């Protein structure tokens, strides 16, 4: 993750502080989770599968 943080232009300490602040804001926490998912492909895949199922169900309901 340190390479990603370097690309973002922040250090690990600042990232941890930002994450702790983001826990109190639903939208900000979503962004933090997405950044952290880069390190965990299995969890990322699980979320994307769920999202794909949700989108497919919505598309199917619109077609009916």
PDB file of N, CA and C in Angstrom:
ATOM      1  N   UNK A   1       0.833  -1.191   0.000  1.00  0.00           N
ATOM      2  CA  UNK A   1       0.000   0.000   0.000  1.00  0.00           C
ATOM      3  C   UNK A   1       0.873   1.248   0.000  1.00  0.00           C
ATOM      4  N   UNK A   2       2.090   1.139   0.502  1.00  0.00           N
ATOM      5  CA  UNK A   2       2.937   2.332   0.586  1.00  0.00           C
ATOM      6  C   UNK A   2       3.235   2.919  -0.783  1.00  0.00           C
ATOM      7  N   UNK A   3       3.293   2.075  -1.824  1.00  0.00           N
ATOM      8  CA  UNK A   3       3.510   2.591  -3.177  1.00  0.00           C
ATOM      9  C   UNK A   3       2.309   3.424  -3.607  1.00  0.00           C
ATOM     10  N   UNK A   4       1.119   2.938  -3.330  1.00  0.00           N
ATOM     11  CA  UNK A   4      -0.090   3.683  -3.666  1.00  0.00           C
ATOM     12  C   UNK A   4      -0.131   5.008  -2.910  1.00  0.00           C
ATOM     13  N   UNK A   5       0.198   4.975  -1.638  1.00  0.00           N
ATOM     14  CA  UNK A   5       0.195   6.213  -0.846  1.00  0.00           C
ATOM     15  C   UNK A   5       1.192   7.207  -1.417  1.00  0.00           C
ATOM     16  N   UNK A   6       2.356   6.715  -1.814  1.00  0.00           N
ATOM     17  CA  UNK A   6       3.361   7.598  -2.411  1.00  0.00           C
ATOM     18  C   UNK A   6       2.805   8.220  -3.693  1.00  0.00           C
ATOM     19  N   UNK A   7       2.089   7.404  -4.488  1.00  0.00           N
ATOM     20  CA  UNK A   7       1.467   7.915  -5.723  1.00  0.00           C
ATOM     21  C   UNK A   7       0.426   8.980  -5.421  1.00  0.00           C
ATOM     22  N   UNK A   8      -0.256   8.828  -4.292  1.00  0.00           N
ATOM     23  CA  UNK A   8      -1.267   9.800  -3.881  1.00  0.00           C
ATOM     24  C   UNK A   8      -0.647  11.043  -3.247  1.00  0.00           C
ATOM     25  N   UNK A   9       0.638  10.945  -2.896  1.00  0.00           N
ATOM     26  CA  UNK A   9       1.327  12.088  -2.324  1.00  0.00           C
ATOM     27  C   UNK A   9       1.119  12.269  -0.830  1.00  0.00           C
ATOM     28  N   UNK A  10       0.805  11.149  -0.116  1.00  0.00           N
ATOM     29  CA  UNK A  10       0.648  11.248   1.335  1.00  0.00           C
ATOM     30  C   UNK A  10       1.472  10.145   1.996  1.00  0.00           C
ATOM     31  N   UNK A  11       1.766  10.329   3.267  1.00  0.00           N
ATOM     32  CA  UNK A  11       2.497   9.289   3.982  1.00  0.00           C
ATOM     33  C   UNK A  11       1.514   8.416   4.759  1.00  0.00           C
ATOM     34  N   UNK A  12       2.042   7.326   5.307  1.00  0.00           N
ATOM     35  CA  UNK A  12       1.185   6.349   5.982  1.00  0.00           C
ATOM     36  C   UNK A  12       0.481   6.957   7.204  1.00  0.00           C
ATOM     37  N   UNK A  13       1.177   7.772   7.955  1.00  0.00           N
ATOM     38  CA  UNK A  13       0.597   8.385   9.155  1.00  0.00           C
ATOM     39  C   UNK A  13      -0.605   9.259   8.778  1.00  0.00           C
ATOM     40  N   UNK A  14      -0.460  10.096   7.745  1.00  0.00           N
ATOM     41  CA  UNK A  14      -1.560  10.953   7.301  1.00  0.00           C
ATOM     42  C   UNK A  14      -2.733  10.128   6.786  1.00  0.00           C
ATOM     43  N   UNK A  15      -2.429   9.011   6.129  1.00  0.00           N
ATOM     44  CA  UNK A  15      -3.486   8.144   5.621  1.00  0.00           C
ATOM     45  C   UNK A  15      -4.291   7.544   6.772  1.00  0.00           C
ATOM     46  N   UNK A  16      -3.605   7.090   7.806  1.00  0.00           N
ATOM     47  CA  UNK A  16      -4.286   6.513   8.970  1.00  0.00           C
ATOM     48  C   UNK A  16      -5.162   7.559   9.647  1.00  0.00           C
ATOM     49  N   UNK A  17      -4.660   8.767   9.779  1.00  0.00           N
ATOM     50  CA  UNK A  17      -5.448   9.855  10.377  1.00  0.00           C
ATOM     51  C   UNK A  17      -6.699  10.113   9.532  1.00  0.00           C
ATOM     52  N   UNK A  18      -6.524  10.173   8.213  1.00  0.00           N
ATOM     53  CA  UNK A  18      -7.664  10.413   7.316  1.00  0.00           C
ATOM     54  C   UNK A  18      -8.685   9.272   7.409  1.00  0.00           C
ATOM     55  N   UNK A  19      -8.199   8.035   7.511  1.00  0.00           N
ATOM     56  CA  UNK A  19      -9.108   6.882   7.634  1.00  0.00           C
ATOM     57  C   UNK A  19      -9.921   6.962   8.915  1.00  0.00           C
ATOM     58  N   UNK A  20      -9.268   7.318   9.998  1.00  0.00           N
ATOM     59  CA  UNK A  20      -9.986   7.433  11.271  1.00  0.00           C
ATOM     60  C   UNK A  20     -11.054   8.517  11.217  1.00  0.00           C
ATOM     61  N   UNK A  21     -10.769   9.621  10.555  1.00  0.00           N
ATOM     62  CA  UNK A  21     -11.766  10.687  10.407  1.00  0.00           C
ATOM     63  C   UNK A  21     -12.903  10.236   9.492  1.00  0.00           C
ATOM     64  N   UNK A  22     -12.569   9.458   8.460  1.00  0.00           N
ATOM     65  CA  UNK A  22     -13.565   9.026   7.476  1.00  0.00           C
ATOM     66  C   UNK A  22     -14.565   8.030   8.050  1.00  0.00           C
ATOM     67  N   UNK A  23     -14.215   7.363   9.140  1.00  0.00           N
ATOM     68  CA  UNK A  23     -15.126   6.379   9.738  1.00  0.00           C
ATOM     69  C   UNK A  23     -16.456   7.009  10.138  1.00  0.00           C
ATOM     70  N   UNK A  24     -16.459   8.302  10.339  1.00  0.00           N
ATOM     71  CA  UNK A  24     -17.670   9.002  10.782  1.00  0.00           C
ATOM     72  C   UNK A  24     -18.481   9.572   9.615  1.00  0.00           C
ATOM     73  N   UNK A  25     -18.031   9.330   8.392  1.00  0.00           N
ATOM     74  CA  UNK A  25     -18.706   9.845   7.208  1.00  0.00           C
ATOM     75  C   UNK A  25     -18.879   8.693   6.224  1.00  0.00           C
ATOM     76  N   UNK A  26     -20.119   8.303   5.967  1.00  0.00           N
ATOM     77  CA  UNK A  26     -20.408   7.131   5.138  1.00  0.00           C
ATOM     78  C   UNK A  26     -19.782   7.225   3.746  1.00  0.00           C
ATOM     79  N   UNK A  27     -19.896   8.364   3.105  1.00  0.00           N
ATOM     80  CA  UNK A  27     -19.363   8.522   1.747  1.00  0.00           C
ATOM     81  C   UNK A  27     -17.831   8.476   1.735  1.00  0.00           C
ATOM     82  N   UNK A  28     -17.207   9.124   2.701  1.00  0.00           N
ATOM     83  CA  UNK A  28     -15.749   9.104   2.771  1.00  0.00           C
ATOM     84  C   UNK A  28     -15.244   7.695   3.085  1.00  0.00           C
ATOM     85  N   UNK A  29     -15.975   6.979   3.939  1.00  0.00           N
ATOM     86  CA  UNK A  29     -15.549   5.625   4.288  1.00  0.00           C
ATOM     87  C   UNK A  29     -15.596   4.703   3.081  1.00  0.00           C
ATOM     88  N   UNK A  30     -16.567   4.906   2.183  1.00  0.00           N
ATOM     89  CA  UNK A  30     -16.632   4.112   0.951  1.00  0.00           C
ATOM     90  C   UNK A  30     -15.347   4.281   0.144  1.00  0.00           C
ATOM     91  N   UNK A  31     -14.859   5.495   0.074  1.00  0.00           N
ATOM     92  CA  UNK A  31     -13.632   5.770  -0.685  1.00  0.00           C
ATOM     93  C   UNK A  31     -12.438   5.095  -0.021  1.00  0.00           C
ATOM     94  N   UNK A  32     -12.357   5.189   1.291  1.00  0.00           N
ATOM     95  CA  UNK A  32     -11.256   4.548   2.014  1.00  0.00           C
ATOM     96  C   UNK A  32     -11.279   3.045   1.774  1.00  0.00           C
ATOM     97  N   UNK A  33     -12.443   2.454   1.849  1.00  0.00           N
ATOM     98  CA  UNK A  33     -12.564   1.007   1.617  1.00  0.00           C
ATOM     99  C   UNK A  33     -12.101   0.625   0.225  1.00  0.00           C
ATOM    100  N   UNK A  34     -12.446   1.430  -0.769  1.00  0.00           N
ATOM    101  CA  UNK A  34     -12.020   1.134  -2.135  1.00  0.00           C
ATOM    102  C   UNK A  34     -10.506   1.203  -2.268  1.00  0.00           C
ATOM    103  N   UNK A  35      -9.900   2.158  -1.617  1.00  0.00           N
ATOM    104  CA  UNK A  35      -8.440   2.258  -1.656  1.00  0.00           C
ATOM    105  C   UNK A  35      -7.816   1.035  -0.983  1.00  0.00           C
ATOM    106  N   UNK A  36      -8.359   0.635   0.148  1.00  0.00           N
ATOM    107  CA  UNK A  36      -7.804  -0.507   0.867  1.00  0.00           C
ATOM    108  C   UNK A  36      -8.038  -1.824   0.128  1.00  0.00           C
ATOM    109  N   UNK A  37      -9.071  -1.893  -0.685  1.00  0.00           N
ATOM    110  CA  UNK A  37      -9.357  -3.122  -1.432  1.00  0.00           C
ATOM    111  C   UNK A  37      -8.286  -3.434  -2.467  1.00  0.00           C
ATOM    112  N   UNK A  38      -7.546  -2.446  -2.867  1.00  0.00           N
ATOM    113  CA  UNK A  38      -6.482  -2.671  -3.838  1.00  0.00           C
ATOM    114  C   UNK A  38      -5.511  -3.725  -3.311  1.00  0.00           C
ATOM    115  N   UNK A  39      -5.323  -3.773  -2.009  1.00  0.00           N
ATOM    116  CA  UNK A  39      -4.406  -4.720  -1.380  1.00  0.00           C
ATOM    117  C   UNK A  39      -5.021  -6.102  -1.179  1.00  0.00           C
ATOM    118  N   UNK A  40      -6.343  -6.237  -1.288  1.00  0.00           N
ATOM    119  CA  UNK A  40      -7.001  -7.497  -0.975  1.00  0.00           C
ATOM    120  C   UNK A  40      -7.904  -7.902  -2.143  1.00  0.00           C
ATOM    121  N   UNK A  41      -7.343  -8.611  -3.106  1.00  0.00           N
ATOM    122  CA  UNK A  41      -8.086  -8.939  -4.318  1.00  0.00           C
ATOM    123  C   UNK A  41      -9.302  -9.813  -4.039  1.00  0.00           C
ATOM    124  N   UNK A  42      -9.169 -10.780  -3.135  1.00  0.00           N
ATOM    125  CA  UNK A  42     -10.307 -11.674  -2.857  1.00  0.00           C
ATOM    126  C   UNK A  42     -11.509 -10.891  -2.337  1.00  0.00           C
ATOM    127  N   UNK A  43     -11.263  -9.954  -1.446  1.00  0.00           N
ATOM    128  CA  UNK A  43     -12.351  -9.129  -0.914  1.00  0.00           C
ATOM    129  C   UNK A  43     -12.902  -8.217  -2.004  1.00  0.00           C
ATOM    130  N   UNK A  44     -12.022  -7.657  -2.817  1.00  0.00           N
ATOM    131  CA  UNK A  44     -12.431  -6.818  -3.940  1.00  0.00           C
ATOM    132  C   UNK A  44     -13.338  -7.604  -4.888  1.00  0.00           C
ATOM    133  N   UNK A  45     -12.925  -8.821  -5.210  1.00  0.00           N
ATOM    134  CA  UNK A  45     -13.710  -9.665  -6.117  1.00  0.00           C
ATOM    135  C   UNK A  45     -15.092  -9.947  -5.531  1.00  0.00           C
ATOM    136  N   UNK A  46     -15.133 -10.240  -4.239  1.00  0.00           N
ATOM    137  CA  UNK A  46     -16.401 -10.526  -3.562  1.00  0.00           C
ATOM    138  C   UNK A  46     -17.347  -9.329  -3.666  1.00  0.00           C
ATOM    139  N   UNK A  47     -16.842  -8.146  -3.439  1.00  0.00           N
ATOM    140  CA  UNK A  47     -17.670  -6.939  -3.530  1.00  0.00           C
ATOM    141  C   UNK A  47     -18.132  -6.700  -4.964  1.00  0.00           C
ATOM    142  N   UNK A  48     -17.248  -6.919  -5.932  1.00  0.00           N
ATOM    143  CA  UNK A  48     -17.619  -6.698  -7.326  1.00  0.00           C
ATOM    144  C   UNK A  48     -18.667  -7.708  -7.793  1.00  0.00           C
ATOM    145  N   UNK A  49     -18.574  -8.940  -7.323  1.00  0.00           N
ATOM    146  CA  UNK A  49     -19.583  -9.955  -7.679  1.00  0.00           C
ATOM    147  C   UNK A  49     -20.946  -9.539  -7.132  1.00  0.00           C
ATOM    148  N   UNK A  50     -20.973  -9.111  -5.860  1.00  0.00           N
ATOM    149  CA  UNK A  50     -22.237  -8.648  -5.264  1.00  0.00           C
ATOM    150  C   UNK A  50     -22.794  -7.458  -6.034  1.00  0.00           C
ATOM    151  N   UNK A  51     -21.923  -6.544  -6.395  1.00  0.00           N
ATOM    152  CA  UNK A  51     -22.362  -5.354  -7.139  1.00  0.00           C
ATOM    153  C   UNK A  51     -22.920  -5.748  -8.501  1.00  0.00           C
ATOM    154  N   UNK A  52     -22.252  -6.675  -9.163  1.00  0.00           N
ATOM    155  CA  UNK A  52     -22.707  -7.131 -10.474  1.00  0.00           C
ATOM    156  C   UNK A  52     -24.074  -7.802 -10.371  1.00  0.00           C
ATOM    157  N   UNK A  53     -24.294  -8.591  -9.334  1.00  0.00           N
ATOM    158  CA  UNK A  53     -25.595  -9.237  -9.132  1.00  0.00           C
ATOM    159  C   UNK A  53     -26.676  -8.176  -8.927  1.00  0.00           C
ATOM    160  N   UNK A  54     -26.371  -7.165  -8.126  1.00  0.00           N
ATOM    161  CA  UNK A  54     -27.328  -6.096  -7.862  1.00  0.00           C
ATOM    162  C   UNK A  54     -27.681  -5.352  -9.161  1.00  0.00           C
ATOM    163  N   UNK A  55     -26.682  -5.047  -9.957  1.00  0.00           N
ATOM    164  CA  UNK A  55     -26.916  -4.338 -11.219  1.00  0.00           C
ATOM    165  C   UNK A  55     -27.720  -5.211 -12.178  1.00  0.00           C
ATOM    166  N   UNK A  56     -27.394  -6.498 -12.218  1.00  0.00           N
ATOM    167  CA  UNK A  56     -28.123  -7.423 -13.106  1.00  0.00           C
ATOM    168  C   UNK A  56     -29.588  -7.525 -12.705  1.00  0.00           C
ATOM    169  N   UNK A  57     -29.856  -7.618 -11.395  1.00  0.00           N
ATOM    170  CA  UNK A  57     -31.243  -7.679 -10.922  1.00  0.00           C
ATOM    171  C   UNK A  57     -32.006  -6.412 -11.283  1.00  0.00           C
ATOM    172  N   UNK A  58     -31.349  -5.274 -11.130  1.00  0.00           N
ATOM    173  CA  UNK A  58     -32.002  -4.009 -11.458  1.00  0.00           C
ATOM    174  C   UNK A  58     -32.303  -3.940 -12.954  1.00  0.00           C
ATOM    175  N   UNK A  59     -31.360  -4.350 -13.777  1.00  0.00           N
ATOM    176  CA  UNK A  59     -31.573  -4.331 -15.223  1.00  0.00           C
ATOM    177  C   UNK A  59     -32.710  -5.269 -15.608  1.00  0.00           C
ATOM    178  N   UNK A  60     -32.737  -6.431 -14.993  1.00  0.00           N
ATOM    179  CA  UNK A  60     -33.811  -7.399 -15.277  1.00  0.00           C
ATOM    180  C   UNK A  60     -35.171  -6.851 -14.881  1.00  0.00           C
ATOM    181  N   UNK A  61     -35.239  -6.184 -13.733  1.00  0.00           N
ATOM    182  CA  UNK A  61     -36.529  -5.628 -13.300  1.00  0.00           C
ATOM    183  C   UNK A  61     -36.995  -4.508 -14.217  1.00  0.00           C
ATOM    184  N   UNK A  62     -36.063  -3.787 -14.815  1.00  0.00           N
ATOM    185  CA  UNK A  62     -36.443  -2.723 -15.744  1.00  0.00           C
ATOM    186  C   UNK A  62     -36.923  -3.277 -17.070  1.00  0.00           C
ATOM    187  N   UNK A  63     -36.473  -4.477 -17.430  1.00  0.00           N
ATOM    188  CA  UNK A  63     -36.877  -5.099 -18.684  1.00  0.00           C
ATOM    189  C   UNK A  63     -38.251  -5.732 -18.585  1.00  0.00           C
ATOM    190  N   UNK A  64     -38.693  -6.056 -17.384  1.00  0.00           N
ATOM    191  CA  UNK A  64     -39.984  -6.752 -17.220  1.00  0.00           C
ATOM    192  C   UNK A  64     -41.124  -5.820 -17.257  1.00  0.00           C
TER     193      UNK A  64
END
